[in-house]
């Protein structure tokens, strides 16, 4: 399993609300449209957004896997706090710097979810949260 996938699963386990079927939650689609975004429930139908073609789809029942909403900096900070690992955080421009005496320093680009962060940031967070568990 790659570190990003393992890190996402760990954070989702620690913060189960990431997988709740709410506005913005990603769900699996089909071969033609592999990713759909949940936009809400109205009357008897669920609304799904198809990003590739910028269209809405309405269905009576959702029978696919819930991928969850994107993992944000807030989620990561909540998990770091739960783990009680000592981390210093500094804001420099568009980046938040994580500093750990045990691991070193890496940055998080503000405004981007976990899966759009650098591989170095993902590896740092994996080392911080999972390596010794």
C-alpha atoms as a PDB file:
ATOM      1  CA  UNK A   1       0.000   0.000   0.000  1.00  0.00           C
ATOM      2  CA  UNK A   2       1.377   3.428  -0.836  1.00  0.00           C
ATOM      3  CA  UNK A   3       1.888   6.001   1.900  1.00  0.00           C
ATOM      4  CA  UNK A   4      -0.772   8.437   0.653  1.00  0.00           C
ATOM      5  CA  UNK A   5      -3.441   5.743   0.592  1.00  0.00           C
ATOM      6  CA  UNK A   6      -2.419   4.447   4.022  1.00  0.00           C
ATOM      7  CA  UNK A   7      -2.358   7.998   5.426  1.00  0.00           C
ATOM      8  CA  UNK A   8      -5.819   8.764   4.012  1.00  0.00           C
ATOM      9  CA  UNK A   9      -7.263   5.558   5.484  1.00  0.00           C
ATOM     10  CA  UNK A  10      -5.713   6.322   8.867  1.00  0.00           C
ATOM     11  CA  UNK A  11      -7.089   9.883   8.925  1.00  0.00           C
ATOM     12  CA  UNK A  12     -10.534   8.662   7.789  1.00  0.00           C
ATOM     13  CA  UNK A  13     -10.514   6.141  10.635  1.00  0.00           C
ATOM     14  CA  UNK A  14      -9.596   8.866  13.141  1.00  0.00           C
ATOM     15  CA  UNK A  15     -12.199  11.310  11.750  1.00  0.00           C
ATOM     16  CA  UNK A  16     -15.140   9.188  10.507  1.00  0.00           C
ATOM     17  CA  UNK A  17     -17.177  12.223   9.397  1.00  0.00           C
ATOM     18  CA  UNK A  18     -14.901  12.424   6.334  1.00  0.00           C
ATOM     19  CA  UNK A  19     -16.832   9.424   4.973  1.00  0.00           C
ATOM     20  CA  UNK A  20     -20.336  10.764   5.707  1.00  0.00           C
ATOM     21  CA  UNK A  21     -22.539  11.198   2.661  1.00  0.00           C
ATOM     22  CA  UNK A  22     -22.733  15.007   2.646  1.00  0.00           C
ATOM     23  CA  UNK A  23     -22.297  17.825   0.158  1.00  0.00           C
ATOM     24  CA  UNK A  24     -18.876  17.553  -1.497  1.00  0.00           C
ATOM     25  CA  UNK A  25     -18.385  13.881  -0.651  1.00  0.00           C
ATOM     26  CA  UNK A  26     -16.794  11.871  -3.462  1.00  0.00           C
ATOM     27  CA  UNK A  27     -18.272   8.529  -4.462  1.00  0.00           C
ATOM     28  CA  UNK A  28     -17.228   5.991  -7.076  1.00  0.00           C
ATOM     29  CA  UNK A  29     -18.944   6.109 -10.426  1.00  0.00           C
ATOM     30  CA  UNK A  30     -18.616   3.828 -13.411  1.00  0.00           C
ATOM     31  CA  UNK A  31     -15.978   3.305 -16.126  1.00  0.00           C
ATOM     32  CA  UNK A  32     -17.176   6.351 -18.064  1.00  0.00           C
ATOM     33  CA  UNK A  33     -17.332   8.675 -15.022  1.00  0.00           C
ATOM     34  CA  UNK A  34     -15.113   7.166 -12.281  1.00  0.00           C
ATOM     35  CA  UNK A  35     -15.638   9.919  -9.710  1.00  0.00           C
ATOM     36  CA  UNK A  36     -18.903  11.599  -8.736  1.00  0.00           C
ATOM     37  CA  UNK A  37     -19.504  14.335  -6.158  1.00  0.00           C
ATOM     38  CA  UNK A  38     -22.544  14.233  -3.897  1.00  0.00           C
ATOM     39  CA  UNK A  39     -24.488  17.504  -3.917  1.00  0.00           C
ATOM     40  CA  UNK A  40     -27.510  16.636  -1.794  1.00  0.00           C
ATOM     41  CA  UNK A  41     -30.891  15.013  -1.409  1.00  0.00           C
ATOM     42  CA  UNK A  42     -34.134  16.487  -2.724  1.00  0.00           C
ATOM     43  CA  UNK A  43     -37.491  14.713  -2.359  1.00  0.00           C
ATOM     44  CA  UNK A  44     -36.727  11.129  -3.365  1.00  0.00           C
ATOM     45  CA  UNK A  45     -33.510  11.682  -5.281  1.00  0.00           C
ATOM     46  CA  UNK A  46     -29.823  12.150  -4.612  1.00  0.00           C
ATOM     47  CA  UNK A  47     -28.001  14.723  -6.702  1.00  0.00           C
ATOM     48  CA  UNK A  48     -24.580  13.795  -8.071  1.00  0.00           C
ATOM     49  CA  UNK A  49     -22.202  16.080  -9.942  1.00  0.00           C
ATOM     50  CA  UNK A  50     -20.126  14.632 -12.784  1.00  0.00           C
ATOM     51  CA  UNK A  51     -16.941  16.760 -12.975  1.00  0.00           C
ATOM     52  CA  UNK A  52     -15.764  15.556 -16.407  1.00  0.00           C
ATOM     53  CA  UNK A  53     -18.847  16.868 -18.199  1.00  0.00           C
ATOM     54  CA  UNK A  54     -20.003  19.504 -15.666  1.00  0.00           C
ATOM     55  CA  UNK A  55     -23.423  17.875 -15.324  1.00  0.00           C
ATOM     56  CA  UNK A  56     -25.842  16.837 -12.599  1.00  0.00           C
ATOM     57  CA  UNK A  57     -27.255  13.345 -12.317  1.00  0.00           C
ATOM     58  CA  UNK A  58     -30.227  12.432 -10.123  1.00  0.00           C
ATOM     59  CA  UNK A  59     -30.623   8.902  -8.764  1.00  0.00           C
ATOM     60  CA  UNK A  60     -33.077   7.257  -6.378  1.00  0.00           C
ATOM     61  CA  UNK A  61     -30.489   5.152  -4.571  1.00  0.00           C
ATOM     62  CA  UNK A  62     -26.725   5.321  -4.175  1.00  0.00           C
ATOM     63  CA  UNK A  63     -25.163   1.899  -4.588  1.00  0.00           C
ATOM     64  CA  UNK A  64     -21.486   2.787  -4.920  1.00  0.00           C
ATOM     65  CA  UNK A  65     -18.537   3.143  -2.579  1.00  0.00           C
ATOM     66  CA  UNK A  66     -18.200   6.344  -0.599  1.00  0.00           C
ATOM     67  CA  UNK A  67     -14.700   7.778  -1.114  1.00  0.00           C
ATOM     68  CA  UNK A  68     -15.371  10.707   1.227  1.00  0.00           C
ATOM     69  CA  UNK A  69     -14.673  14.393   1.116  1.00  0.00           C
ATOM     70  CA  UNK A  70     -11.132  15.632   0.498  1.00  0.00           C
ATOM     71  CA  UNK A  71      -8.877  15.530   3.572  1.00  0.00           C
ATOM     72  CA  UNK A  72      -8.037  19.074   4.615  1.00  0.00           C
ATOM     73  CA  UNK A  73      -5.365  20.724   6.721  1.00  0.00           C
ATOM     74  CA  UNK A  74      -7.916  20.947   9.542  1.00  0.00           C
ATOM     75  CA  UNK A  75      -8.332  17.151   9.488  1.00  0.00           C
ATOM     76  CA  UNK A  76      -4.567  16.635   9.628  1.00  0.00           C
ATOM     77  CA  UNK A  77      -4.202  19.075  12.538  1.00  0.00           C
ATOM     78  CA  UNK A  78      -6.992  17.297  14.439  1.00  0.00           C
ATOM     79  CA  UNK A  79      -5.266  13.931  14.005  1.00  0.00           C
ATOM     80  CA  UNK A  80      -1.866  15.346  15.021  1.00  0.00           C
ATOM     81  CA  UNK A  81      -3.498  16.749  18.176  1.00  0.00           C
ATOM     82  CA  UNK A  82      -5.199  13.410  18.926  1.00  0.00           C
ATOM     83  CA  UNK A  83      -1.846  11.643  18.649  1.00  0.00           C
ATOM     84  CA  UNK A  84      -0.237  14.122  21.032  1.00  0.00           C
ATOM     85  CA  UNK A  85       2.909  14.213  18.950  1.00  0.00           C
ATOM     86  CA  UNK A  86       4.828  17.435  19.593  1.00  0.00           C
ATOM     87  CA  UNK A  87       4.845  19.479  16.399  1.00  0.00           C
ATOM     88  CA  UNK A  88       5.639  23.166  15.965  1.00  0.00           C
ATOM     89  CA  UNK A  89       3.646  24.951  13.272  1.00  0.00           C
ATOM     90  CA  UNK A  90       4.648  28.178  11.518  1.00  0.00           C
ATOM     91  CA  UNK A  91       2.873  30.110   8.785  1.00  0.00           C
ATOM     92  CA  UNK A  92       5.120  31.441   6.030  1.00  0.00           C
ATOM     93  CA  UNK A  93       3.346  32.972   3.040  1.00  0.00           C
ATOM     94  CA  UNK A  94       1.131  30.335   1.406  1.00  0.00           C
ATOM     95  CA  UNK A  95       2.678  27.501   3.405  1.00  0.00           C
ATOM     96  CA  UNK A  96       2.258  26.029   6.852  1.00  0.00           C
ATOM     97  CA  UNK A  97       5.496  24.507   8.139  1.00  0.00           C
ATOM     98  CA  UNK A  98       5.341  21.413  10.325  1.00  0.00           C
ATOM     99  CA  UNK A  99       8.434  20.984  12.491  1.00  0.00           C
ATOM    100  CA  UNK A 100       9.121  17.827  14.452  1.00  0.00           C
ATOM    101  CA  UNK A 101      12.312  17.198  16.403  1.00  0.00           C
ATOM    102  CA  UNK A 102      11.975  13.527  15.548  1.00  0.00           C
ATOM    103  CA  UNK A 103      11.374  13.879  11.792  1.00  0.00           C
ATOM    104  CA  UNK A 104      12.337  17.356  10.591  1.00  0.00           C
ATOM    105  CA  UNK A 105      10.404  20.062   8.740  1.00  0.00           C
ATOM    106  CA  UNK A 106       7.985  19.923   5.805  1.00  0.00           C
ATOM    107  CA  UNK A 107       5.437  22.339   4.382  1.00  0.00           C
ATOM    108  CA  UNK A 108       1.726  22.161   3.566  1.00  0.00           C
ATOM    109  CA  UNK A 109       0.554  24.330   0.650  1.00  0.00           C
ATOM    110  CA  UNK A 110      -2.483  26.222   1.967  1.00  0.00           C
ATOM    111  CA  UNK A 111      -5.736  25.798   0.056  1.00  0.00           C
ATOM    112  CA  UNK A 112      -4.949  22.297  -1.214  1.00  0.00           C
ATOM    113  CA  UNK A 113      -6.234  18.977   0.191  1.00  0.00           C
ATOM    114  CA  UNK A 114      -3.955  16.147   1.273  1.00  0.00           C
ATOM    115  CA  UNK A 115      -3.979  14.350  -2.071  1.00  0.00           C
ATOM    116  CA  UNK A 116      -2.614  17.483  -3.818  1.00  0.00           C
ATOM    117  CA  UNK A 117       0.283  18.022  -1.403  1.00  0.00           C
ATOM    118  CA  UNK A 118       3.852  17.095  -2.338  1.00  0.00           C
ATOM    119  CA  UNK A 119       5.145  13.565  -1.919  1.00  0.00           C
ATOM    120  CA  UNK A 120       7.604  14.912   0.664  1.00  0.00           C
ATOM    121  CA  UNK A 121       4.737  16.307   2.766  1.00  0.00           C
ATOM    122  CA  UNK A 122       2.825  13.032   2.491  1.00  0.00           C
ATOM    123  CA  UNK A 123       5.918  11.067   3.556  1.00  0.00           C
ATOM    124  CA  UNK A 124       6.507  13.440   6.494  1.00  0.00           C
ATOM    125  CA  UNK A 125       2.916  13.057   7.731  1.00  0.00           C
ATOM    126  CA  UNK A 126       3.085   9.282   7.264  1.00  0.00           C
ATOM    127  CA  UNK A 127       6.281   9.198   9.370  1.00  0.00           C
ATOM    128  CA  UNK A 128       4.698  11.445  11.990  1.00  0.00           C
ATOM    129  CA  UNK A 129       1.355   9.648  12.305  1.00  0.00           C
ATOM    130  CA  UNK A 130       1.823   6.035  11.180  1.00  0.00           C
ATOM    131  CA  UNK A 131       5.429   4.838  11.141  1.00  0.00           C
ATOM    132  CA  UNK A 132       5.663   3.904  14.831  1.00  0.00           C
ATOM    133  CA  UNK A 133       2.050   2.794  15.294  1.00  0.00           C
END
